[in-house]
Amino acid sequence: MKLKTTHVVAAAVGLLIVGTAFLIRSDIPAEELQAKYSSPASRYLTIDGANLHYRDEGQGTPIILLHGTAASLNTWDGWTAELSKNYRVLRLDLPGFGLTGRNQTDTYSIDYYANLLLHFMDSLNIEKAHIAGSSLGGQIAFDFAADHPERVQKLILISPTGVTNANDKSISMPFLMAQTPLLKHSLKYITPRFIVEKSLKEVYGDDNKLSDQTIDLSHAMLLREGNREAFIARMNTIDTDNLHKLAQVQAPTFILWGEADAWVPATDATHFQKTIKGAQLKLYPGAGHIPMEELPEETVQDVLQFLNSDLALTI
């Protein structure tokens, strides 16, 4: 009986090892991903300890686009095609994500990102720009707009974080793993494609709009060497509370929010609208956390109306 029990345990351990090995994914070298995903508009700038990847497209008044946690500049593809017809569109892979990858200090706080944005604008001799940010990028954007009102022409916030903790452990498996001491180190190795697919389905209101290409791209960017370590560092960063800065924002502000947002509830939108003087808000029924990606045509037309007019939006 004891022998049989030993065999069962050994078999179970063997299956666990085999199963774990099946889930392990190796890093993808930065050069390999740069060769595959860089575009003619891609630029690289050594700044604040990072080899910052950004794209520079179109001409006219600059508009800078900031993505959210675990995303990349590709989340703005739908907007860029339209905006670049009349604006100079600059979209960044924030350090820790996309082709930029890990920075030298493993610092990924809101303060770090806001300072990086300032230094980015200075490096490109951009005195003033429209700033748009999604989720984490939205929190960076309003923080920057409050501290540097002279550098922001108009502000666009898409489901910004800051009121509700968007990294709620009950929401996303990678977030849970990254914030759990006994699991976070496993995230450096165990990141199969289905985990990324599950997370992306959480940020879409309509799963049918999520393509295999988008899942593959997001998975590849997560596997870029250093990005998983950076993700863990970001998930364990405690940011200084900057909600009080909302009242300091002077730029005309347009807030976009998906009513079916599962990560940052649409009820948070009211706080932003009431606290930022004169802020305008539009809710998108059925849309999730990233309406600019899920509903690019509709949302970009609303943004163009906001950018092109000094009058209130008709929403």
Protein backbone atom coordinates (compact mmCIF):
# COMPACT_ATOMS: atom_id res chain seq x y z
CA MET A 1 0.00 0.00 0.00
CA LYS A 2 2.82 2.37 0.93
CA LEU A 3 4.58 1.54 -2.33
CA LYS A 4 1.45 2.31 -4.33
CA THR A 5 1.04 5.65 -2.51
CA THR A 6 4.66 6.54 -3.28
CA HIS A 7 4.05 5.76 -6.95
CA VAL A 8 0.94 7.94 -7.02
CA VAL A 9 2.76 10.85 -5.43
CA ALA A 10 5.68 10.46 -7.80
CA ALA A 11 3.32 10.35 -10.77
CA ALA A 12 1.51 13.48 -9.54
CA VAL A 13 4.81 15.33 -9.11
CA GLY A 14 5.86 14.21 -12.57
CA LEU A 15 2.63 15.47 -14.09
CA LEU A 16 3.02 18.79 -12.25
CA ILE A 17 6.55 19.21 -13.58
CA VAL A 18 5.48 18.36 -17.12
CA GLY A 19 2.45 20.65 -16.87
CA THR A 20 4.52 23.54 -15.54
CA ALA A 21 7.13 23.04 -18.25
CA PHE A 22 4.36 23.22 -20.84
CA LEU A 23 3.37 26.70 -19.53
CA ILE A 24 6.88 28.15 -19.45
CA ARG A 25 7.70 30.74 -22.08
CA SER A 26 11.20 32.05 -22.80
CA ASP A 27 12.12 35.69 -23.29
CA ILE A 28 12.13 37.00 -26.85
CA PRO A 29 15.26 39.06 -27.67
CA ALA A 30 14.58 42.78 -28.13
CA GLU A 31 16.29 42.79 -31.53
CA GLU A 32 13.97 40.07 -32.82
CA LEU A 33 10.84 41.99 -31.83
CA GLN A 34 12.21 45.29 -33.10
CA ALA A 35 12.84 43.72 -36.49
CA LYS A 36 9.28 42.38 -36.59
CA TYR A 37 7.27 45.22 -35.05
CA SER A 38 9.17 48.44 -35.76
CA SER A 39 7.72 50.61 -38.50
CA PRO A 40 9.17 53.35 -40.74
CA ALA A 41 7.76 55.81 -38.19
CA SER A 42 9.63 54.15 -35.30
CA ARG A 43 12.26 56.15 -33.44
CA TYR A 44 14.44 55.34 -30.43
CA LEU A 45 15.57 57.84 -27.82
CA THR A 46 17.82 57.15 -24.84
CA ILE A 47 16.11 58.99 -22.00
CA ASP A 48 15.68 58.56 -18.24
CA GLY A 49 17.45 55.22 -18.21
CA ALA A 50 15.35 53.75 -21.02
CA ASN A 51 15.78 53.11 -24.72
CA LEU A 52 12.42 54.70 -25.49
CA HIS A 53 10.58 53.46 -28.56
CA TYR A 54 8.09 55.89 -30.07
CA ARG A 55 6.47 56.59 -33.41
CA ASP A 56 6.31 60.00 -35.03
CA GLU A 57 3.64 60.36 -37.73
CA GLY A 58 1.90 63.21 -39.50
CA GLN A 59 2.37 66.97 -39.28
CA GLY A 60 0.76 69.81 -37.41
CA THR A 61 0.05 70.42 -33.75
CA PRO A 62 1.61 67.59 -31.70
CA ILE A 63 -0.60 65.12 -29.87
CA ILE A 64 1.10 62.64 -27.54
CA LEU A 65 -0.61 59.29 -26.83
CA LEU A 66 0.10 57.31 -23.64
CA HIS A 67 -1.06 53.69 -23.29
CA GLY A 68 -2.06 51.75 -20.20
CA THR A 69 -0.59 48.92 -18.12
CA ALA A 70 0.61 45.88 -20.09
CA ALA A 71 -0.28 47.61 -23.38
CA SER A 72 1.85 49.24 -26.07
CA LEU A 73 1.67 52.10 -28.56
CA ASN A 74 -0.14 49.73 -30.92
CA THR A 75 -3.32 50.28 -28.91
CA TRP A 76 -3.56 53.64 -30.75
CA ASP A 77 -3.43 52.23 -34.30
CA GLY A 78 -7.06 53.11 -35.05
CA TRP A 79 -6.70 56.69 -33.84
CA THR A 80 -3.34 57.35 -35.47
CA ALA A 81 -4.61 56.67 -38.98
CA GLU A 82 -7.12 59.54 -38.62
CA LEU A 83 -5.26 61.92 -36.32
CA SER A 84 -2.08 61.90 -38.42
CA LYS A 85 -3.98 63.47 -41.32
CA ASN A 86 -3.98 66.80 -39.51
CA TYR A 87 -1.78 66.36 -36.43
CA ARG A 88 1.72 65.26 -35.57
CA VAL A 89 1.02 62.05 -33.65
CA LEU A 90 3.65 60.86 -31.18
CA ARG A 91 2.88 57.61 -29.39
CA LEU A 92 5.19 56.03 -26.84
CA ASP A 93 5.96 52.55 -25.60
CA LEU A 94 6.22 53.50 -21.94
CA PRO A 95 9.28 52.04 -20.16
CA GLY A 96 8.49 48.54 -18.93
CA PHE A 97 6.26 47.80 -21.92
CA GLY A 98 6.30 47.30 -25.68
CA LEU A 99 9.57 47.60 -27.56
CA THR A 100 11.00 50.03 -24.99
CA GLY A 101 11.32 47.36 -22.35
CA ARG A 102 12.85 47.53 -18.91
CA ASN A 103 14.61 50.68 -17.73
CA GLN A 104 17.91 50.74 -15.85
CA THR A 105 16.46 51.42 -12.40
CA ASP A 106 13.25 49.35 -12.50
CA THR A 107 11.36 52.49 -11.48
CA TYR A 108 7.86 52.71 -12.92
CA SER A 109 6.01 55.21 -10.74
CA ILE A 110 3.62 57.91 -11.94
CA ASP A 111 6.26 60.47 -10.96
CA TYR A 112 8.84 58.70 -13.12
CA TYR A 113 6.55 58.52 -16.14
CA ALA A 114 5.45 62.17 -15.80
CA ASN A 115 9.07 63.32 -15.66
CA LEU A 116 9.88 61.14 -18.65
CA LEU A 117 7.08 62.83 -20.61
CA LEU A 118 8.53 66.24 -19.77
CA HIS A 119 12.02 65.18 -20.84
CA PHE A 120 10.62 63.58 -24.00
CA MET A 121 8.95 66.85 -25.02
CA ASP A 122 12.10 68.81 -24.21
CA SER A 123 14.25 66.42 -26.26
CA LEU A 124 12.02 66.93 -29.31
CA ASN A 125 11.70 70.69 -28.71
CA ILE A 126 7.94 70.40 -28.25
CA GLU A 127 6.81 73.40 -26.23
CA LYS A 128 3.14 72.47 -26.06
CA ALA A 129 1.02 69.51 -27.12
CA HIS A 130 -2.32 67.83 -26.76
CA ILE A 131 -1.94 64.89 -24.36
CA ALA A 132 -4.10 61.75 -24.42
CA GLY A 133 -3.82 58.86 -22.01
CA SER A 134 -5.57 55.54 -21.46
CA SER A 135 -5.81 53.90 -18.02
CA LEU A 136 -2.30 54.24 -16.49
CA GLY A 137 -1.51 56.65 -19.33
CA GLY A 138 -4.51 58.74 -18.30
CA GLN A 139 -3.25 59.01 -14.74
CA ILE A 140 0.17 60.07 -16.04
CA ALA A 141 -1.51 62.59 -18.35
CA PHE A 142 -3.59 64.37 -15.71
CA ASP A 143 -0.63 64.38 -13.30
CA PHE A 144 1.52 66.01 -15.98
CA ALA A 145 -1.19 68.49 -16.97
CA ALA A 146 -1.57 69.61 -13.35
CA ASP A 147 2.17 70.10 -12.82
CA HIS A 148 2.95 71.60 -16.25
CA PRO A 149 -0.14 73.50 -17.44
CA GLU A 150 1.98 75.58 -19.82
CA ARG A 151 2.91 72.42 -21.77
CA VAL A 152 -0.60 71.01 -22.34
CA GLN A 153 -2.99 72.41 -24.93
CA LYS A 154 -5.89 69.97 -24.49
CA LEU A 155 -6.21 66.86 -22.35
CA ILE A 156 -7.93 63.59 -23.28
CA LEU A 157 -8.50 60.94 -20.60
CA ILE A 158 -9.70 57.42 -21.36
CA SER A 159 -10.78 55.43 -18.29
CA PRO A 160 -7.88 56.84 -16.24
CA THR A 161 -6.77 55.08 -13.10
CA GLY A 162 -6.51 56.87 -9.78
CA VAL A 163 -9.88 56.60 -8.04
CA THR A 164 -10.48 52.85 -8.03
CA ASN A 165 -7.52 50.49 -7.94
CA ALA A 166 -7.42 49.12 -11.49
CA ASN A 167 -5.00 46.44 -10.33
CA ASP A 168 -7.68 44.71 -8.22
CA LYS A 169 -6.43 41.19 -7.61
CA SER A 170 -9.88 39.75 -8.38
CA ILE A 171 -9.77 40.98 -11.96
CA SER A 172 -6.79 39.73 -13.90
CA MET A 173 -4.64 36.64 -13.47
CA PRO A 174 -1.32 38.34 -14.35
CA PHE A 175 -2.10 41.16 -11.89
CA LEU A 176 -2.87 38.58 -9.20
CA MET A 177 0.34 36.68 -9.86
CA ALA A 178 2.47 39.83 -9.94
CA GLN A 179 1.16 41.06 -6.60
CA THR A 180 1.30 37.74 -4.73
CA PRO A 181 4.69 37.10 -3.05
CA LEU A 182 4.64 33.33 -3.61
CA LEU A 183 3.58 33.65 -7.25
CA LYS A 184 5.18 36.79 -8.64
CA HIS A 185 8.51 35.22 -9.52
CA SER A 186 6.75 32.48 -11.49
CA LEU A 187 5.32 35.18 -13.75
CA LYS A 188 8.81 35.67 -15.17
CA TYR A 189 8.47 32.24 -16.75
CA ILE A 190 4.86 31.03 -16.76
CA THR A 191 3.02 33.31 -19.19
CA PRO A 192 1.24 31.24 -21.85
CA ARG A 193 -0.83 32.92 -24.53
CA PHE A 194 -4.17 32.01 -22.92
CA ILE A 195 -3.38 34.24 -19.91
CA VAL A 196 -2.94 37.22 -22.22
CA GLU A 197 -6.11 36.32 -24.10
CA LYS A 198 -8.09 36.14 -20.85
CA SER A 199 -6.82 39.56 -19.73
CA LEU A 200 -7.63 41.17 -23.08
CA LYS A 201 -11.16 39.74 -22.99
CA GLU A 202 -11.58 41.52 -19.66
CA VAL A 203 -10.81 44.93 -21.20
CA TYR A 204 -13.09 44.48 -24.22
CA GLY A 205 -16.82 44.91 -23.81
CA ASP A 206 -17.39 42.79 -26.91
CA ASP A 207 -15.00 39.82 -27.18
CA ASN A 208 -15.87 39.43 -30.86
CA LYS A 209 -13.86 42.58 -31.59
CA LEU A 210 -10.70 41.04 -30.16
CA SER A 211 -8.54 39.61 -32.95
CA ASP A 212 -5.96 36.83 -32.83
CA GLN A 213 -3.45 39.33 -34.18
CA THR A 214 -4.01 41.61 -31.18
CA ILE A 215 -3.56 38.68 -28.77
CA ASP A 216 -0.37 37.54 -30.53
CA LEU A 217 1.09 41.05 -30.46
CA SER A 218 0.30 41.56 -26.76
CA HIS A 219 1.78 38.17 -25.89
CA ALA A 220 4.95 38.90 -27.86
CA MET A 221 5.40 42.27 -26.13
CA LEU A 222 4.99 40.65 -22.72
CA LEU A 223 7.71 38.15 -23.62
CA ARG A 224 10.14 40.85 -24.72
CA GLU A 225 13.24 40.39 -22.59
CA GLY A 226 12.88 42.30 -19.33
CA ASN A 227 9.20 43.17 -19.70
CA ARG A 228 7.92 40.54 -17.30
CA GLU A 229 10.28 41.72 -14.57
CA ALA A 230 9.22 45.31 -15.27
CA PHE A 231 5.54 44.34 -15.10
CA ILE A 232 6.08 42.79 -11.67
CA ALA A 233 7.91 45.92 -10.52
CA ARG A 234 5.09 48.16 -11.79
CA MET A 235 2.41 46.04 -10.14
CA ASN A 236 4.22 46.36 -6.81
CA THR A 237 4.79 50.11 -7.08
CA ILE A 238 2.92 52.24 -4.56
CA ASP A 239 2.27 55.60 -6.20
CA THR A 240 1.89 58.86 -4.34
CA ASP A 241 -1.80 59.80 -4.24
CA ASN A 242 -2.25 62.39 -6.97
CA LEU A 243 -6.05 62.70 -7.09
CA HIS A 244 -5.82 66.18 -5.57
CA LYS A 245 -4.10 67.27 -8.78
CA LEU A 246 -7.32 66.90 -10.77
CA ALA A 247 -8.53 70.25 -9.45
CA GLN A 248 -5.28 71.82 -10.68
CA VAL A 249 -5.79 70.81 -14.33
CA GLN A 250 -6.28 73.92 -16.46
CA ALA A 251 -6.38 72.42 -19.95
CA PRO A 252 -9.75 71.81 -21.65
CA THR A 253 -10.46 68.16 -20.90
CA PHE A 254 -12.46 65.44 -22.63
CA ILE A 255 -13.11 62.17 -20.77
CA LEU A 256 -14.07 58.95 -22.59
CA TRP A 257 -15.31 55.88 -20.72
CA GLY A 258 -16.75 52.49 -21.66
CA GLU A 259 -19.89 51.76 -19.66
CA ALA A 260 -18.93 48.06 -19.52
CA ASP A 261 -15.45 48.77 -18.14
CA ALA A 262 -14.55 45.80 -15.92
CA TRP A 263 -11.23 47.21 -14.70
CA VAL A 264 -12.08 50.81 -13.78
CA PRO A 265 -15.83 51.26 -13.24
CA ALA A 266 -17.64 53.93 -15.20
CA THR A 267 -18.92 55.31 -11.89
CA ASP A 268 -15.42 56.78 -11.42
CA ALA A 269 -16.01 59.02 -14.43
CA THR A 270 -18.24 61.32 -12.38
CA HIS A 271 -15.39 62.14 -10.02
CA PHE A 272 -13.14 63.17 -12.89
CA GLN A 273 -15.85 65.22 -14.57
CA LYS A 274 -16.79 67.07 -11.38
CA THR A 275 -13.23 67.69 -10.20
CA ILE A 276 -11.64 68.88 -13.43
CA LYS A 277 -13.13 72.29 -14.16
CA GLY A 278 -15.20 72.29 -17.35
CA ALA A 279 -14.40 68.67 -18.19
CA GLN A 280 -16.65 67.00 -20.75
CA LEU A 281 -17.59 63.33 -20.53
CA LYS A 282 -18.86 60.77 -23.00
CA LEU A 283 -19.84 57.22 -22.06
CA TYR A 284 -19.84 54.42 -24.63
CA PRO A 285 -22.53 51.77 -24.05
CA GLY A 286 -21.21 48.22 -24.28
CA ALA A 287 -17.57 49.26 -24.53
CA GLY A 288 -14.92 48.09 -22.09
CA HIS A 289 -11.76 49.60 -20.64
CA ILE A 290 -10.13 50.61 -23.94
CA PRO A 291 -12.86 52.16 -26.11
CA MET A 292 -10.27 53.80 -28.40
CA GLU A 293 -9.23 50.29 -29.44
CA GLU A 294 -12.64 48.66 -29.36
CA LEU A 295 -14.49 51.55 -31.06
CA PRO A 296 -11.71 53.42 -32.90
CA GLU A 297 -13.86 55.08 -35.57
CA GLU A 298 -16.49 56.45 -33.21
CA THR A 299 -14.10 57.56 -30.47
CA VAL A 300 -11.59 59.25 -32.77
CA GLN A 301 -14.35 61.29 -34.43
CA ASP A 302 -15.45 62.53 -30.99
CA VAL A 303 -11.85 63.42 -30.19
CA LEU A 304 -11.38 65.26 -33.47
CA GLN A 305 -14.50 67.29 -32.76
CA PHE A 306 -13.07 68.16 -29.34
CA LEU A 307 -9.65 69.08 -30.73
CA ASN A 308 -10.97 71.11 -33.65
CA SER A 309 -13.51 73.17 -31.75
CA ASP A 310 -13.40 75.70 -28.93
CA LEU A 311 -17.09 75.07 -28.36
CA ALA A 312 -18.60 72.43 -26.13
CA LEU A 313 -19.05 68.97 -27.58
CA THR A 314 -22.53 67.88 -28.53
CA ILE A 315 -22.69 64.54 -26.76
